[in-house]
Amino acid sequence: MVSKIFDILLGIKKTSQITKSASVESVDKIVGEITSGNINPVEAYVMLDYLSKVTAEALKNIKPATLDHIQKEGENIAFGVQLNLAATKDYSYEEDKDWAENQKKMSIWKNAMSVREKFLKDLVNEAIEAGQATPISYTSSIRITPKPLSN
């Protein structure tokens, strides 16, 4: 019943201010509904992942319009939140000979590290399969990656 997630998020419509405590409260409510068994955790994960991706893309796409609006209208506050603008610079470090030389050396070292990491991973996996002690310690974790079944 993932519609409960939307019901919880709709609570923001009733407020004039978005606060840290409101965010924490929404998260706690969603997690509580899942842990109490009212929302299927798999459905919730898929829906929240989807919302995260959609909102991230929407934010990226509306950034130019938002900047334009702030610069033209001077309005940068909504729901008790102020959007602050900060200019950043992108530097072309590669134009500097010393930087480029150091970058090349770093690239060589990174490649060497990657080769060594693969070698060590293979050693660990072989030791595990053989039931032997591993040459280095490791931890295991599980990653969740949503993958649409069809498009």
C-alpha atoms as a PDB file:
ATOM      1  CA  MET A   1       0.000   0.000   0.000  1.00  0.00           C
ATOM      2  CA  VAL A   2       2.594   2.566  -1.167  1.00  0.00           C
ATOM      3  CA  SER A   3      -0.147   5.199  -1.414  1.00  0.00           C
ATOM      4  CA  LYS A   4       0.528   5.762   2.311  1.00  0.00           C
ATOM      5  CA  ILE A   5       3.912   7.187   1.303  1.00  0.00           C
ATOM      6  CA  PHE A   6       2.147   9.786  -0.820  1.00  0.00           C
ATOM      7  CA  ASP A   7      -0.304  10.514   1.999  1.00  0.00           C
ATOM      8  CA  ILE A   8       2.629  11.179   4.310  1.00  0.00           C
ATOM      9  CA  LEU A   9       4.347  13.388   1.731  1.00  0.00           C
ATOM     10  CA  LEU A  10       1.095  15.273   1.078  1.00  0.00           C
ATOM     11  CA  GLY A  11       1.431  16.597   4.615  1.00  0.00           C
ATOM     12  CA  ILE A  12       3.845  19.166   3.192  1.00  0.00           C
ATOM     13  CA  LYS A  13       0.900  20.815   1.396  1.00  0.00           C
ATOM     14  CA  LYS A  14      -0.546  21.737   4.791  1.00  0.00           C
ATOM     15  CA  THR A  15       2.538  23.601   5.970  1.00  0.00           C
ATOM     16  CA  SER A  16       3.888  27.013   5.142  1.00  0.00           C
ATOM     17  CA  GLN A  17       7.402  26.057   6.216  1.00  0.00           C
ATOM     18  CA  ILE A  18       9.622  23.106   5.395  1.00  0.00           C
ATOM     19  CA  THR A  19      11.795  22.404   8.422  1.00  0.00           C
ATOM     20  CA  LYS A  20      14.369  19.809   9.365  1.00  0.00           C
ATOM     21  CA  SER A  21      11.963  18.429  11.973  1.00  0.00           C
ATOM     22  CA  ALA A  22       9.219  18.084   9.335  1.00  0.00           C
ATOM     23  CA  SER A  23      11.634  16.130   7.150  1.00  0.00           C
ATOM     24  CA  VAL A  24      12.629  13.882  10.047  1.00  0.00           C
ATOM     25  CA  GLU A  25       8.966  13.373  10.918  1.00  0.00           C
ATOM     26  CA  SER A  26       8.114  12.353   7.336  1.00  0.00           C
ATOM     27  CA  VAL A  27      11.012   9.896   7.236  1.00  0.00           C
ATOM     28  CA  ASP A  28      10.027   8.448  10.612  1.00  0.00           C
ATOM     29  CA  LYS A  29       6.409   8.031   9.481  1.00  0.00           C
ATOM     30  CA  ILE A  30       7.404   6.264   6.248  1.00  0.00           C
ATOM     31  CA  VAL A  31       9.865   3.972   8.037  1.00  0.00           C
ATOM     32  CA  GLY A  32       7.304   3.318  10.766  1.00  0.00           C
ATOM     33  CA  GLU A  33       4.653   2.292   8.240  1.00  0.00           C
ATOM     34  CA  ILE A  34       7.138  -0.092   6.624  1.00  0.00           C
ATOM     35  CA  THR A  35       8.408  -1.626   9.860  1.00  0.00           C
ATOM     36  CA  SER A  36       4.864  -2.063  11.160  1.00  0.00           C
ATOM     37  CA  GLY A  37       3.961  -4.007   8.018  1.00  0.00           C
ATOM     38  CA  ASN A  38       1.514  -1.456   6.610  1.00  0.00           C
ATOM     39  CA  ILE A  39       3.681  -0.854   3.524  1.00  0.00           C
ATOM     40  CA  ASN A  40       5.496  -3.571   1.580  1.00  0.00           C
ATOM     41  CA  PRO A  41       9.236  -2.744   1.908  1.00  0.00           C
ATOM     42  CA  VAL A  42      10.026  -3.826  -1.664  1.00  0.00           C
ATOM     43  CA  GLU A  43       7.266  -1.630  -3.089  1.00  0.00           C
ATOM     44  CA  ALA A  44       8.373   1.244  -0.855  1.00  0.00           C
ATOM     45  CA  TYR A  45      12.008   0.902  -1.933  1.00  0.00           C
ATOM     46  CA  VAL A  46      11.088   0.874  -5.626  1.00  0.00           C
ATOM     47  CA  MET A  47       8.768   3.873  -5.232  1.00  0.00           C
ATOM     48  CA  LEU A  48      11.206   5.919  -3.135  1.00  0.00           C
ATOM     49  CA  ASP A  49      14.046   5.128  -5.558  1.00  0.00           C
ATOM     50  CA  TYR A  50      11.813   6.260  -8.427  1.00  0.00           C
ATOM     51  CA  LEU A  51      10.851   9.473  -6.620  1.00  0.00           C
ATOM     52  CA  SER A  52      14.496  10.166  -5.839  1.00  0.00           C
ATOM     53  CA  LYS A  53      15.514   9.800  -9.491  1.00  0.00           C
ATOM     54  CA  VAL A  54      12.558  11.802 -10.823  1.00  0.00           C
ATOM     55  CA  THR A  55      13.053  14.675  -8.393  1.00  0.00           C
ATOM     56  CA  ALA A  56      16.820  14.782  -9.003  1.00  0.00           C
ATOM     57  CA  GLU A  57      16.252  15.023 -12.761  1.00  0.00           C
ATOM     58  CA  ALA A  58      13.490  17.612 -12.328  1.00  0.00           C
ATOM     59  CA  LEU A  59      15.755  19.739 -10.101  1.00  0.00           C
ATOM     60  CA  LYS A  60      18.502  19.598 -12.701  1.00  0.00           C
ATOM     61  CA  ASN A  61      16.071  20.614 -15.449  1.00  0.00           C
ATOM     62  CA  ILE A  62      14.460  23.509 -13.566  1.00  0.00           C
ATOM     63  CA  LYS A  63      17.729  24.994 -12.285  1.00  0.00           C
ATOM     64  CA  PRO A  64      18.096  27.466 -15.212  1.00  0.00           C
ATOM     65  CA  ALA A  65      14.500  28.694 -14.816  1.00  0.00           C
ATOM     66  CA  THR A  66      14.968  28.997 -11.055  1.00  0.00           C
ATOM     67  CA  LEU A  67      18.182  31.006 -11.435  1.00  0.00           C
ATOM     68  CA  ASP A  68      16.516  33.222 -14.037  1.00  0.00           C
ATOM     69  CA  HIS A  69      13.524  33.815 -11.762  1.00  0.00           C
ATOM     70  CA  ILE A  70      15.693  34.686  -8.761  1.00  0.00           C
ATOM     71  CA  GLN A  71      17.833  37.066 -10.797  1.00  0.00           C
ATOM     72  CA  LYS A  72      14.856  38.794 -12.466  1.00  0.00           C
ATOM     73  CA  GLU A  73      12.341  38.821  -9.612  1.00  0.00           C
ATOM     74  CA  GLY A  74      14.658  38.809  -6.611  1.00  0.00           C
ATOM     75  CA  GLU A  75      12.407  36.180  -5.035  1.00  0.00           C
ATOM     76  CA  ASN A  76      14.357  33.315  -3.466  1.00  0.00           C
ATOM     77  CA  ILE A  77      12.257  32.208  -0.479  1.00  0.00           C
ATOM     78  CA  ALA A  78       9.486  29.611  -0.365  1.00  0.00           C
ATOM     79  CA  PHE A  79       8.078  27.502   2.459  1.00  0.00           C
ATOM     80  CA  GLY A  80      10.458  29.157   4.919  1.00  0.00           C
ATOM     81  CA  VAL A  81      13.492  28.080   2.913  1.00  0.00           C
ATOM     82  CA  GLN A  82      15.883  30.517   1.248  1.00  0.00           C
ATOM     83  CA  LEU A  83      17.734  29.561  -1.918  1.00  0.00           C
ATOM     84  CA  ASN A  84      21.224  31.031  -1.665  1.00  0.00           C
ATOM     85  CA  LEU A  85      23.254  31.552  -4.807  1.00  0.00           C
ATOM     86  CA  ALA A  86      26.991  30.978  -4.769  1.00  0.00           C
ATOM     87  CA  ALA A  87      29.183  31.426  -7.806  1.00  0.00           C
ATOM     88  CA  THR A  88      31.706  28.716  -8.525  1.00  0.00           C
ATOM     89  CA  LYS A  89      34.569  28.539 -10.963  1.00  0.00           C
ATOM     90  CA  ASP A  90      35.612  25.593 -13.091  1.00  0.00           C
ATOM     91  CA  TYR A  91      39.352  25.672 -13.555  1.00  0.00           C
ATOM     92  CA  SER A  92      41.170  24.221 -16.567  1.00  0.00           C
ATOM     93  CA  TYR A  93      44.001  22.694 -14.588  1.00  0.00           C
ATOM     94  CA  GLU A  94      45.022  20.518 -17.522  1.00  0.00           C
ATOM     95  CA  GLU A  95      46.395  23.636 -19.224  1.00  0.00           C
ATOM     96  CA  ASP A  96      49.185  23.737 -16.646  1.00  0.00           C
ATOM     97  CA  LYS A  97      52.187  21.590 -17.626  1.00  0.00           C
ATOM     98  CA  ASP A  98      53.063  20.514 -14.057  1.00  0.00           C
ATOM     99  CA  TRP A  99      49.462  19.629 -13.242  1.00  0.00           C
ATOM    100  CA  ALA A 100      49.121  17.620 -16.455  1.00  0.00           C
ATOM    101  CA  GLU A 101      52.352  15.768 -15.720  1.00  0.00           C
ATOM    102  CA  ASN A 102      51.236  14.948 -12.182  1.00  0.00           C
ATOM    103  CA  GLN A 103      47.836  13.849 -13.490  1.00  0.00           C
ATOM    104  CA  LYS A 104      49.536  11.441 -15.888  1.00  0.00           C
ATOM    105  CA  LYS A 105      51.593   9.973 -13.026  1.00  0.00           C
ATOM    106  CA  MET A 106      48.441   9.666 -10.894  1.00  0.00           C
ATOM    107  CA  SER A 107      46.680   7.882 -13.733  1.00  0.00           C
ATOM    108  CA  ILE A 108      49.513   5.371 -13.982  1.00  0.00           C
ATOM    109  CA  TRP A 109      49.380   4.768 -10.207  1.00  0.00           C
ATOM    110  CA  LYS A 110      45.585   4.457 -10.246  1.00  0.00           C
ATOM    111  CA  ASN A 111      45.813   1.852 -12.989  1.00  0.00           C
ATOM    112  CA  ALA A 112      48.464  -0.032 -11.005  1.00  0.00           C
ATOM    113  CA  MET A 113      46.218   0.099  -7.908  1.00  0.00           C
ATOM    114  CA  SER A 114      43.262  -1.231  -9.908  1.00  0.00           C
ATOM    115  CA  VAL A 115      45.323  -4.143 -11.194  1.00  0.00           C
ATOM    116  CA  ARG A 116      46.512  -4.920  -7.647  1.00  0.00           C
ATOM    117  CA  GLU A 117      42.934  -4.676  -6.299  1.00  0.00           C
ATOM    118  CA  LYS A 118      41.716  -7.170  -8.907  1.00  0.00           C
ATOM    119  CA  PHE A 119      44.586  -9.523  -8.053  1.00  0.00           C
ATOM    120  CA  LEU A 120      43.749  -9.323  -4.331  1.00  0.00           C
ATOM    121  CA  LYS A 121      40.005  -9.815  -4.965  1.00  0.00           C
ATOM    122  CA  ASP A 122      40.790 -12.929  -6.984  1.00  0.00           C
ATOM    123  CA  LEU A 123      43.062 -14.245  -4.197  1.00  0.00           C
ATOM    124  CA  VAL A 124      40.346 -13.687  -1.579  1.00  0.00           C
ATOM    125  CA  ASN A 125      37.661 -15.335  -3.703  1.00  0.00           C
ATOM    126  CA  GLU A 126      39.900 -18.318  -4.432  1.00  0.00           C
ATOM    127  CA  ALA A 127      40.706 -18.693  -0.722  1.00  0.00           C
ATOM    128  CA  ILE A 128      36.993 -18.531   0.181  1.00  0.00           C
ATOM    129  CA  GLU A 129      36.112 -21.153  -2.439  1.00  0.00           C
ATOM    130  CA  ALA A 130      38.916 -23.400  -1.169  1.00  0.00           C
ATOM    131  CA  GLY A 131      37.827 -22.937   2.448  1.00  0.00           C
ATOM    132  CA  GLN A 132      41.153 -21.354   3.370  1.00  0.00           C
ATOM    133  CA  ALA A 133      42.106 -18.237   5.279  1.00  0.00           C
ATOM    134  CA  THR A 134      42.068 -15.115   3.135  1.00  0.00           C
ATOM    135  CA  PRO A 135      45.277 -13.109   2.628  1.00  0.00           C
ATOM    136  CA  ILE A 136      43.476  -9.847   3.523  1.00  0.00           C
ATOM    137  CA  SER A 137      40.322  -9.139   5.500  1.00  0.00           C
ATOM    138  CA  TYR A 138      37.072  -8.182   3.788  1.00  0.00           C
ATOM    139  CA  THR A 139      33.494  -7.298   4.603  1.00  0.00           C
ATOM    140  CA  SER A 140      30.369  -8.290   2.727  1.00  0.00           C
ATOM    141  CA  SER A 141      27.373  -6.098   2.055  1.00  0.00           C
ATOM    142  CA  ILE A 142      24.323  -6.274  -0.164  1.00  0.00           C
ATOM    143  CA  ARG A 143      23.539  -3.616  -2.720  1.00  0.00           C
ATOM    144  CA  ILE A 144      19.965  -3.051  -3.895  1.00  0.00           C
ATOM    145  CA  THR A 145      19.751  -2.025  -7.542  1.00  0.00           C
ATOM    146  CA  PRO A 146      16.282  -1.432  -9.007  1.00  0.00           C
ATOM    147  CA  LYS A 147      16.011  -2.764 -12.564  1.00  0.00           C
ATOM    148  CA  PRO A 148      12.819  -2.347 -14.597  1.00  0.00           C
ATOM    149  CA  LEU A 149      11.540  -5.662 -15.956  1.00  0.00           C
ATOM    150  CA  SER A 150      10.414  -4.023 -19.202  1.00  0.00           C
ATOM    151  CA  ASN A 151      10.465  -0.645 -20.877  1.00  0.00           C
END
